[in-house]
Amino acid sequence: MTPASITAGGKTFSKDEFHRLILKNPILERAGLDVYTSNANIAAGMEQVMKLGEVCYGLDVETGGKAHYLAGGMDYTTAFGLLTDTSRILGLETK
C-alpha cells in the first residue's frame, strides 16, 4: 500500500479509481434475528454461526461498482483498525 494505491490479490487499485472502503460481515448481514426453533440441534447450529460471525469481518475496496476483497477473518475491532490505518495512509476521511 502506498498513499496513492492499494495492491491486493495481484491487483492494484489507484486511490483515484475507487469509490470507498467497506467493512463487511457476510455472516452477520444474513443472520436472521427473528428465527425461532424448538429443535436443539438447529438452535446449536445457529448459535455456532453467530459465534463464527464475530470473526468474519473483512475490508473491501469498491471500484467500478464492484467490491474487491482486501482482507478478512477479523473481529470488528481489528477490521475497523485496518480501515482506519488504510484510510490514514491514503489520506481518506473516515465517517
PDB file of N, CA and C in Angstrom:
ATOM      1  N   MET A   1       0.843  -1.167   0.000  1.00  0.00           N
ATOM      2  CA  MET A   1       0.000   0.000   0.000  1.00  0.00           C
ATOM      3  C   MET A   1       0.894   1.239   0.000  1.00  0.00           C
ATOM      4  N   THR A   2       0.453   2.205  -0.768  1.00  0.00           N
ATOM      5  CA  THR A   2       1.121   3.499  -0.815  1.00  0.00           C
ATOM      6  C   THR A   2       0.061   4.575  -0.607  1.00  0.00           C
ATOM      7  N   PRO A   3       0.453   5.821  -0.443  1.00  0.00           N
ATOM      8  CA  PRO A   3      -0.552   6.881  -0.324  1.00  0.00           C
ATOM      9  C   PRO A   3      -1.405   7.058  -1.588  1.00  0.00           C
ATOM     10  N   ALA A   4      -1.007   6.424  -2.695  1.00  0.00           N
ATOM     11  CA  ALA A   4      -1.751   6.585  -3.951  1.00  0.00           C
ATOM     12  C   ALA A   4      -2.469   5.324  -4.410  1.00  0.00           C
ATOM     13  N   SER A   5      -2.190   4.163  -3.781  1.00  0.00           N
ATOM     14  CA  SER A   5      -2.811   2.925  -4.267  1.00  0.00           C
ATOM     15  C   SER A   5      -2.796   1.821  -3.212  1.00  0.00           C
ATOM     16  N   ILE A   6      -3.627   0.809  -3.487  1.00  0.00           N
ATOM     17  CA  ILE A   6      -3.686  -0.411  -2.683  1.00  0.00           C
ATOM     18  C   ILE A   6      -3.457  -1.570  -3.638  1.00  0.00           C
ATOM     19  N   THR A   7      -2.600  -2.508  -3.256  1.00  0.00           N
ATOM     20  CA  THR A   7      -2.388  -3.717  -4.045  1.00  0.00           C
ATOM     21  C   THR A   7      -2.823  -4.916  -3.212  1.00  0.00           C
ATOM     22  N   ALA A   8      -3.697  -5.737  -3.777  1.00  0.00           N
ATOM     23  CA  ALA A   8      -4.192  -6.936  -3.097  1.00  0.00           C
ATOM     24  C   ALA A   8      -4.594  -7.964  -4.137  1.00  0.00           C
ATOM     25  N   GLY A   9      -4.237  -9.203  -3.900  1.00  0.00           N
ATOM     26  CA  GLY A   9      -4.627 -10.276  -4.818  1.00  0.00           C
ATOM     27  C   GLY A   9      -4.103 -10.089  -6.218  1.00  0.00           C
ATOM     28  N   GLY A  10      -2.930  -9.465  -6.347  1.00  0.00           N
ATOM     29  CA  GLY A  10      -2.351  -9.260  -7.672  1.00  0.00           C
ATOM     30  C   GLY A  10      -2.932  -8.089  -8.443  1.00  0.00           C
ATOM     31  N   LYS A  11      -3.869  -7.363  -7.839  1.00  0.00           N
ATOM     32  CA  LYS A  11      -4.475  -6.204  -8.499  1.00  0.00           C
ATOM     33  C   LYS A  11      -4.081  -4.941  -7.746  1.00  0.00           C
ATOM     34  N   THR A  12      -3.889  -3.874  -8.494  1.00  0.00           N
ATOM     35  CA  THR A  12      -3.590  -2.578  -7.891  1.00  0.00           C
ATOM     36  C   THR A  12      -4.765  -1.643  -8.121  1.00  0.00           C
ATOM     37  N   PHE A  13      -5.220  -1.024  -7.043  1.00  0.00           N
ATOM     38  CA  PHE A  13      -6.349  -0.104  -7.093  1.00  0.00           C
ATOM     39  C   PHE A  13      -5.831   1.297  -6.786  1.00  0.00           C
ATOM     40  N   SER A  14      -5.925   2.173  -7.752  1.00  0.00           N
ATOM     41  CA  SER A  14      -5.495   3.558  -7.587  1.00  0.00           C
ATOM     42  C   SER A  14      -6.500   4.302  -6.716  1.00  0.00           C
ATOM     43  N   LYS A  15      -5.995   5.130  -5.837  1.00  0.00           N
ATOM     44  CA  LYS A  15      -6.856   5.919  -4.956  1.00  0.00           C
ATOM     45  C   LYS A  15      -7.889   6.726  -5.753  1.00  0.00           C
ATOM     46  N   ASP A  16      -7.503   7.195  -6.913  1.00  0.00           N
ATOM     47  CA  ASP A  16      -8.405   7.997  -7.751  1.00  0.00           C
ATOM     48  C   ASP A  16      -9.497   7.167  -8.418  1.00  0.00           C
ATOM     49  N   GLU A  17      -9.326   5.850  -8.469  1.00  0.00           N
ATOM     50  CA  GLU A  17     -10.283   4.977  -9.160  1.00  0.00           C
ATOM     51  C   GLU A  17     -11.324   4.350  -8.247  1.00  0.00           C
ATOM     52  N   PHE A  18     -11.064   4.254  -6.952  1.00  0.00           N
ATOM     53  CA  PHE A  18     -12.058   3.575  -6.120  1.00  0.00           C
ATOM     54  C   PHE A  18     -12.959   4.563  -5.399  1.00  0.00           C
ATOM     55  N   HIS A  19     -14.171   4.057  -5.094  1.00  0.00           N
ATOM     56  CA  HIS A  19     -15.220   4.887  -4.506  1.00  0.00           C
ATOM     57  C   HIS A  19     -15.136   4.936  -2.989  1.00  0.00           C
ATOM     58  N   ARG A  20     -14.862   3.767  -2.398  1.00  0.00           N
ATOM     59  CA  ARG A  20     -14.861   3.712  -0.941  1.00  0.00           C
ATOM     60  C   ARG A  20     -14.235   2.418  -0.442  1.00  0.00           C
ATOM     61  N   LEU A  21     -13.911   2.415   0.826  1.00  0.00           N
ATOM     62  CA  LEU A  21     -13.501   1.213   1.535  1.00  0.00           C
ATOM     63  C   LEU A  21     -14.692   0.776   2.372  1.00  0.00           C
ATOM     64  N   ILE A  22     -14.942  -0.526   2.441  1.00  0.00           N
ATOM     65  CA  ILE A  22     -16.149  -1.033   3.087  1.00  0.00           C
ATOM     66  C   ILE A  22     -15.793  -2.124   4.087  1.00  0.00           C
ATOM     67  N   LEU A  23     -16.333  -2.035   5.304  1.00  0.00           N
ATOM     68  CA  LEU A  23     -16.260  -3.136   6.259  1.00  0.00           C
ATOM     69  C   LEU A  23     -17.482  -4.010   6.031  1.00  0.00           C
ATOM     70  N   LYS A  24     -17.266  -5.308   5.894  1.00  0.00           N
ATOM     71  CA  LYS A  24     -18.380  -6.229   5.651  1.00  0.00           C
ATOM     72  C   LYS A  24     -18.288  -7.424   6.579  1.00  0.00           C
ATOM     73  N   ASN A  25     -19.444  -7.987   6.859  1.00  0.00           N
ATOM     74  CA  ASN A  25     -19.528  -9.246   7.579  1.00  0.00           C
ATOM     75  C   ASN A  25     -20.674 -10.032   6.951  1.00  0.00           C
ATOM     76  N   PRO A  26     -20.369 -10.899   5.981  1.00  0.00           N
ATOM     77  CA  PRO A  26     -21.432 -11.604   5.268  1.00  0.00           C
ATOM     78  C   PRO A  26     -22.268 -12.529   6.148  1.00  0.00           C
ATOM     79  N   ILE A  27     -21.698 -13.055   7.214  1.00  0.00           N
ATOM     80  CA  ILE A  27     -22.470 -13.948   8.087  1.00  0.00           C
ATOM     81  C   ILE A  27     -23.491 -13.151   8.882  1.00  0.00           C
ATOM     82  N   LEU A  28     -23.055 -12.063   9.498  1.00  0.00           N
ATOM     83  CA  LEU A  28     -23.988 -11.281  10.310  1.00  0.00           C
ATOM     84  C   LEU A  28     -24.975 -10.500   9.456  1.00  0.00           C
ATOM     85  N   GLU A  29     -24.616 -10.178   8.218  1.00  0.00           N
ATOM     86  CA  GLU A  29     -25.556  -9.497   7.321  1.00  0.00           C
ATOM     87  C   GLU A  29     -26.736 -10.404   6.982  1.00  0.00           C
ATOM     88  N   ARG A  30     -26.501 -11.696   6.946  1.00  0.00           N
ATOM     89  CA  ARG A  30     -27.557 -12.653   6.580  1.00  0.00           C
ATOM     90  C   ARG A  30     -28.269 -13.247   7.784  1.00  0.00           C
ATOM     91  N   ALA A  31     -27.736 -13.020   8.958  1.00  0.00           N
ATOM     92  CA  ALA A  31     -28.308 -13.635  10.161  1.00  0.00           C
ATOM     93  C   ALA A  31     -29.693 -13.066  10.435  1.00  0.00           C
ATOM     94  N   GLY A  32     -30.638 -13.948  10.628  1.00  0.00           N
ATOM     95  CA  GLY A  32     -31.994 -13.531  10.947  1.00  0.00           C
ATOM     96  C   GLY A  32     -32.206 -13.509  12.443  1.00  0.00           C
ATOM     97  N   LEU A  33     -32.637 -12.394  12.954  1.00  0.00           N
ATOM     98  CA  LEU A  33     -32.864 -12.285  14.388  1.00  0.00           C
ATOM     99  C   LEU A  33     -34.258 -12.770  14.777  1.00  0.00           C
ATOM    100  N   ASP A  34     -35.112 -12.978  13.802  1.00  0.00           N
ATOM    101  CA  ASP A  34     -36.478 -13.403  14.078  1.00  0.00           C
ATOM    102  C   ASP A  34     -36.708 -14.871  13.744  1.00  0.00           C
ATOM    103  N   VAL A  35     -35.691 -15.698  13.947  1.00  0.00           N
ATOM    104  CA  VAL A  35     -35.814 -17.123  13.670  1.00  0.00           C
ATOM    105  C   VAL A  35     -36.005 -17.847  14.997  1.00  0.00           C
ATOM    106  N   TYR A  36     -37.053 -18.640  15.074  1.00  0.00           N
ATOM    107  CA  TYR A  36     -37.355 -19.388  16.294  1.00  0.00           C
ATOM    108  C   TYR A  36     -37.420 -20.869  15.963  1.00  0.00           C
ATOM    109  N   THR A  37     -36.930 -21.675  16.885  1.00  0.00           N
ATOM    110  CA  THR A  37     -36.987 -23.116  16.675  1.00  0.00           C
ATOM    111  C   THR A  37     -37.063 -23.811  18.025  1.00  0.00           C
ATOM    112  N   SER A  38     -37.692 -24.970  18.039  1.00  0.00           N
ATOM    113  CA  SER A  38     -37.711 -25.799  19.249  1.00  0.00           C
ATOM    114  C   SER A  38     -36.743 -26.965  19.102  1.00  0.00           C
ATOM    115  N   ASN A  39     -36.065 -27.037  17.944  1.00  0.00           N
ATOM    116  CA  ASN A  39     -35.106 -28.107  17.692  1.00  0.00           C
ATOM    117  C   ASN A  39     -33.745 -27.705  18.269  1.00  0.00           C
ATOM    118  N   ALA A  40     -33.251 -28.475  19.224  1.00  0.00           N
ATOM    119  CA  ALA A  40     -31.993 -28.155  19.910  1.00  0.00           C
ATOM    120  C   ALA A  40     -30.807 -28.172  18.951  1.00  0.00           C
ATOM    121  N   ASN A  41     -30.816 -29.065  17.972  1.00  0.00           N
ATOM    122  CA  ASN A  41     -29.704 -29.123  17.013  1.00  0.00           C
ATOM    123  C   ASN A  41     -29.649 -27.880  16.134  1.00  0.00           C
ATOM    124  N   ILE A  42     -30.792 -27.432  15.681  1.00  0.00           N
ATOM    125  CA  ILE A  42     -30.846 -26.224  14.857  1.00  0.00           C
ATOM    126  C   ILE A  42     -30.424 -25.018  15.694  1.00  0.00           C
ATOM    127  N   ALA A  43     -30.889 -24.948  16.919  1.00  0.00           N
ATOM    128  CA  ALA A  43     -30.530 -23.834  17.804  1.00  0.00           C
ATOM    129  C   ALA A  43     -29.019 -23.817  18.051  1.00  0.00           C
ATOM    130  N   ALA A  44     -28.416 -24.977  18.264  1.00  0.00           N
ATOM    131  CA  ALA A  44     -26.972 -25.051  18.488  1.00  0.00           C
ATOM    132  C   ALA A  44     -26.210 -24.609  17.239  1.00  0.00           C
ATOM    133  N   GLY A  45     -26.701 -25.010  16.088  1.00  0.00           N
ATOM    134  CA  GLY A  45     -26.075 -24.597  14.831  1.00  0.00           C
ATOM    135  C   GLY A  45     -26.160 -23.097  14.628  1.00  0.00           C
ATOM    136  N   MET A  46     -27.318 -22.521  14.945  1.00  0.00           N
ATOM    137  CA  MET A  46     -27.492 -21.072  14.820  1.00  0.00           C
ATOM    138  C   MET A  46     -26.568 -20.329  15.780  1.00  0.00           C
ATOM    139  N   GLU A  47     -26.405 -20.866  16.984  1.00  0.00           N
ATOM    140  CA  GLU A  47     -25.509 -20.254  17.967  1.00  0.00           C
ATOM    141  C   GLU A  47     -24.062 -20.291  17.475  1.00  0.00           C
ATOM    142  N   GLN A  48     -23.671 -21.405  16.875  1.00  0.00           N
ATOM    143  CA  GLN A  48     -22.306 -21.531  16.346  1.00  0.00           C
ATOM    144  C   GLN A  48     -22.056 -20.538  15.206  1.00  0.00           C
ATOM    145  N   VAL A  49     -23.034 -20.370  14.339  1.00  0.00           N
ATOM    146  CA  VAL A  49     -22.905 -19.407  13.235  1.00  0.00           C
ATOM    147  C   VAL A  49     -22.738 -17.994  13.785  1.00  0.00           C
ATOM    148  N   MET A  50     -23.477 -17.644  14.825  1.00  0.00           N
ATOM    149  CA  MET A  50     -23.364 -16.305  15.408  1.00  0.00           C
ATOM    150  C   MET A  50     -21.980 -16.109  16.038  1.00  0.00           C
ATOM    151  N   LYS A  51     -21.430 -17.146  16.671  1.00  0.00           N
ATOM    152  CA  LYS A  51     -20.074 -17.049  17.231  1.00  0.00           C
ATOM    153  C   LYS A  51     -19.048 -16.885  16.115  1.00  0.00           C
ATOM    154  N   LEU A  52     -19.228 -17.643  15.053  1.00  0.00           N
ATOM    155  CA  LEU A  52     -18.328 -17.555  13.907  1.00  0.00           C
ATOM    156  C   LEU A  52     -18.399 -16.171  13.275  1.00  0.00           C
ATOM    157  N   GLY A  53     -19.585 -15.597  13.259  1.00  0.00           N
ATOM    158  CA  GLY A  53     -19.784 -14.279  12.679  1.00  0.00           C
ATOM    159  C   GLY A  53     -18.973 -13.190  13.363  1.00  0.00           C
ATOM    160  N   GLU A  54     -18.591 -13.420  14.607  1.00  0.00           N
ATOM    161  CA  GLU A  54     -17.815 -12.428  15.340  1.00  0.00           C
ATOM    162  C   GLU A  54     -16.416 -12.240  14.765  1.00  0.00           C
ATOM    163  N   VAL A  55     -15.923 -13.211  14.009  1.00  0.00           N
ATOM    164  CA  VAL A  55     -14.576 -13.117  13.423  1.00  0.00           C
ATOM    165  C   VAL A  55     -14.615 -13.239  11.900  1.00  0.00           C
ATOM    166  N   CYS A  56     -15.672 -12.740  11.292  1.00  0.00           N
ATOM    167  CA  CYS A  56     -15.821 -12.805   9.835  1.00  0.00           C
ATOM    168  C   CYS A  56     -15.887 -11.429   9.188  1.00  0.00           C
ATOM    169  N   TYR A  57     -15.330 -10.433   9.837  1.00  0.00           N
ATOM    170  CA  TYR A  57     -15.302  -9.097   9.245  1.00  0.00           C
ATOM    171  C   TYR A  57     -14.203  -9.024   8.203  1.00  0.00           C
ATOM    172  N   GLY A  58     -14.469  -8.286   7.147  1.00  0.00           N
ATOM    173  CA  GLY A  58     -13.499  -8.104   6.087  1.00  0.00           C
ATOM    174  C   GLY A  58     -13.484  -6.666   5.606  1.00  0.00           C
ATOM    175  N   LEU A  59     -12.432  -6.323   4.885  1.00  0.00           N
ATOM    176  CA  LEU A  59     -12.296  -4.994   4.308  1.00  0.00           C
ATOM    177  C   LEU A  59     -12.268  -5.135   2.800  1.00  0.00           C
ATOM    178  N   ASP A  60     -13.154  -4.402   2.129  1.00  0.00           N
ATOM    179  CA  ASP A  60     -13.245  -4.403   0.673  1.00  0.00           C
ATOM    180  C   ASP A  60     -12.972  -3.006   0.154  1.00  0.00           C
ATOM    181  N   VAL A  61     -12.526  -2.939  -1.089  1.00  0.00           N
ATOM    182  CA  VAL A  61     -12.425  -1.670  -1.796  1.00  0.00           C
ATOM    183  C   VAL A  61     -13.432  -1.743  -2.941  1.00  0.00           C
ATOM    184  N   GLU A  62     -14.200  -0.680  -3.139  1.00  0.00           N
ATOM    185  CA  GLU A  62     -15.206  -0.663  -4.195  1.00  0.00           C
ATOM    186  C   GLU A  62     -14.733   0.230  -5.339  1.00  0.00           C
ATOM    187  N   THR A  63     -14.687  -0.351  -6.528  1.00  0.00           N
ATOM    188  CA  THR A  63     -14.312   0.392  -7.725  1.00  0.00           C
ATOM    189  C   THR A  63     -15.136  -0.108  -8.901  1.00  0.00           C
ATOM    190  N   GLY A  64     -15.606   0.781  -9.719  1.00  0.00           N
ATOM    191  CA  GLY A  64     -16.421   0.406 -10.870  1.00  0.00           C
ATOM    192  C   GLY A  64     -17.697  -0.309 -10.496  1.00  0.00           C
ATOM    193  N   GLY A  65     -18.246  -0.015  -9.319  1.00  0.00           N
ATOM    194  CA  GLY A  65     -19.481  -0.650  -8.869  1.00  0.00           C
ATOM    195  C   GLY A  65     -19.301  -2.064  -8.358  1.00  0.00           C
ATOM    196  N   LYS A  66     -18.051  -2.497  -8.198  1.00  0.00           N
ATOM    197  CA  LYS A  66     -17.754  -3.849  -7.742  1.00  0.00           C
ATOM    198  C   LYS A  66     -16.884  -3.802  -6.501  1.00  0.00           C
ATOM    199  N   ALA A  67     -17.153  -4.683  -5.543  1.00  0.00           N
ATOM    200  CA  ALA A  67     -16.332  -4.764  -4.338  1.00  0.00           C
ATOM    201  C   ALA A  67     -15.230  -5.801  -4.554  1.00  0.00           C
ATOM    202  N   HIS A  68     -14.031  -5.464  -4.123  1.00  0.00           N
ATOM    203  CA  HIS A  68     -12.881  -6.363  -4.205  1.00  0.00           C
ATOM    204  C   HIS A  68     -12.354  -6.602  -2.797  1.00  0.00           C
ATOM    205  N   TYR A  69     -12.219  -7.869  -2.458  1.00  0.00           N
ATOM    206  CA  TYR A  69     -11.807  -8.304  -1.127  1.00  0.00           C
ATOM    207  C   TYR A  69     -10.336  -7.966  -0.877  1.00  0.00           C
ATOM    208  N   LEU A  70     -10.055  -7.272   0.212  1.00  0.00           N
ATOM    209  CA  LEU A  70      -8.681  -6.943   0.572  1.00  0.00           C
ATOM    210  C   LEU A  70      -8.157  -7.820   1.704  1.00  0.00           C
ATOM    211  N   ALA A  71      -8.954  -7.968   2.767  1.00  0.00           N
ATOM    212  CA  ALA A  71      -8.529  -8.752   3.931  1.00  0.00           C
ATOM    213  C   ALA A  71      -9.754  -9.207   4.696  1.00  0.00           C
ATOM    214  N   GLY A  72      -9.623 -10.304   5.429  1.00  0.00           N
ATOM    215  CA  GLY A  72     -10.768 -10.809   6.179  1.00  0.00           C
ATOM    216  C   GLY A  72     -10.360 -11.691   7.337  1.00  0.00           C
ATOM    217  N   GLY A  73     -11.373 -12.299   7.946  1.00  0.00           N
ATOM    218  CA  GLY A  73     -11.142 -13.181   9.082  1.00  0.00           C
ATOM    219  C   GLY A  73     -10.794 -12.419  10.347  1.00  0.00           C
ATOM    220  N   MET A  74     -11.370 -11.224  10.491  1.00  0.00           N
ATOM    221  CA  MET A  74     -11.045 -10.369  11.622  1.00  0.00           C
ATOM    222  C   MET A  74     -12.275 -10.115  12.484  1.00  0.00           C
ATOM    223  N   ASP A  75     -12.026  -9.766  13.750  1.00  0.00           N
ATOM    224  CA  ASP A  75     -13.127  -9.281  14.569  1.00  0.00           C
ATOM    225  C   ASP A  75     -13.347  -7.812  14.214  1.00  0.00           C
ATOM    226  N   TYR A  76     -14.418  -7.230  14.746  1.00  0.00           N
ATOM    227  CA  TYR A  76     -14.776  -5.867  14.350  1.00  0.00           C
ATOM    228  C   TYR A  76     -13.680  -4.861  14.704  1.00  0.00           C
ATOM    229  N   THR A  77     -13.102  -4.992  15.889  1.00  0.00           N
ATOM    230  CA  THR A  77     -12.089  -4.038  16.327  1.00  0.00           C
ATOM    231  C   THR A  77     -10.880  -4.046  15.405  1.00  0.00           C
ATOM    232  N   THR A  78     -10.418  -5.224  15.034  1.00  0.00           N
ATOM    233  CA  THR A  78      -9.266  -5.343  14.137  1.00  0.00           C
ATOM    234  C   THR A  78      -9.593  -4.809  12.750  1.00  0.00           C
ATOM    235  N   ALA A  79     -10.769  -5.157  12.241  1.00  0.00           N
ATOM    236  CA  ALA A  79     -11.178  -4.686  10.909  1.00  0.00           C
ATOM    237  C   ALA A  79     -11.308  -3.166  10.888  1.00  0.00           C
ATOM    238  N   PHE A  80     -11.884  -2.590  11.939  1.00  0.00           N
ATOM    239  CA  PHE A  80     -12.021  -1.141  11.989  1.00  0.00           C
ATOM    240  C   PHE A  80     -10.649  -0.472  12.102  1.00  0.00           C
ATOM    241  N   GLY A  81      -9.736  -1.091  12.845  1.00  0.00           N
ATOM    242  CA  GLY A  81      -8.374  -0.580  12.934  1.00  0.00           C
ATOM    243  C   GLY A  81      -7.682  -0.590  11.581  1.00  0.00           C
ATOM    244  N   LEU A  82      -7.871  -1.672  10.812  1.00  0.00           N
ATOM    245  CA  LEU A  82      -7.291  -1.750   9.468  1.00  0.00           C
ATOM    246  C   LEU A  82      -7.900  -0.684   8.563  1.00  0.00           C
ATOM    247  N   LEU A  83      -9.211  -0.499   8.639  1.00  0.00           N
ATOM    248  CA  LEU A  83      -9.876   0.553   7.865  1.00  0.00           C
ATOM    249  C   LEU A  83      -9.303   1.927   8.226  1.00  0.00           C
ATOM    250  N   THR A  84      -9.149   2.189   9.503  1.00  0.00           N
ATOM    251  CA  THR A  84      -8.629   3.474   9.965  1.00  0.00           C
ATOM    252  C   THR A  84      -7.197   3.695   9.486  1.00  0.00           C
ATOM    253  N   ASP A  85      -6.338   2.681   9.646  1.00  0.00           N
ATOM    254  CA  ASP A  85      -4.941   2.813   9.212  1.00  0.00           C
ATOM    255  C   ASP A  85      -4.840   2.983   7.697  1.00  0.00           C
ATOM    256  N   THR A  86      -5.615   2.202   6.961  1.00  0.00           N
ATOM    257  CA  THR A  86      -5.608   2.295   5.499  1.00  0.00           C
ATOM    258  C   THR A  86      -6.076   3.678   5.056  1.00  0.00           C
ATOM    259  N   SER A  87      -7.144   4.170   5.672  1.00  0.00           N
ATOM    260  CA  SER A  87      -7.666   5.492   5.336  1.00  0.00           C
ATOM    261  C   SER A  87      -6.635   6.575   5.637  1.00  0.00           C
ATOM    262  N   ARG A  88      -5.953   6.420   6.744  1.00  0.00           N
ATOM    263  CA  ARG A  88      -4.944   7.409   7.135  1.00  0.00           C
ATOM    264  C   ARG A  88      -3.806   7.434   6.113  1.00  0.00           C
ATOM    265  N   ILE A  89      -3.320   6.263   5.692  1.00  0.00           N
ATOM    266  CA  ILE A  89      -2.234   6.181   4.717  1.00  0.00           C
ATOM    267  C   ILE A  89      -2.654   6.797   3.384  1.00  0.00           C
ATOM    268  N   LEU A  90      -3.911   6.531   2.986  1.00  0.00           N
ATOM    269  CA  LEU A  90      -4.415   7.050   1.707  1.00  0.00           C
ATOM    270  C   LEU A  90      -4.888   8.502   1.793  1.00  0.00           C
ATOM    271  N   GLY A  91      -4.944   9.032   2.989  1.00  0.00           N
ATOM    272  CA  GLY A  91      -5.419  10.406   3.160  1.00  0.00           C
ATOM    273  C   GLY A  91      -6.918  10.537   2.980  1.00  0.00           C
ATOM    274  N   LEU A  92      -7.680   9.480   3.361  1.00  0.00           N
ATOM    275  CA  LEU A  92      -9.128   9.492   3.229  1.00  0.00           C
ATOM    276  C   LEU A  92      -9.769   9.794   4.581  1.00  0.00           C
ATOM    277  N   GLU A  93     -10.955  10.361   4.533  1.00  0.00           N
ATOM    278  CA  GLU A  93     -11.704  10.663   5.743  1.00  0.00           C
ATOM    279  C   GLU A  93     -12.574   9.460   6.110  1.00  0.00           C
ATOM    280  N   THR A  94     -12.594   9.081   7.387  1.00  0.00           N
ATOM    281  CA  THR A  94     -13.494   8.009   7.827  1.00  0.00           C
ATOM    282  C   THR A  94     -14.714   8.645   8.457  1.00  0.00           C
ATOM    283  N   LYS A  95     -15.873   8.026   8.201  1.00  0.00           N
ATOM    284  CA  LYS A  95     -17.142   8.534   8.737  1.00  0.00           C
ATOM    285  C   LYS A  95     -17.781   7.492   9.599  1.00  0.00           C
TER     286      LYS A  95
END
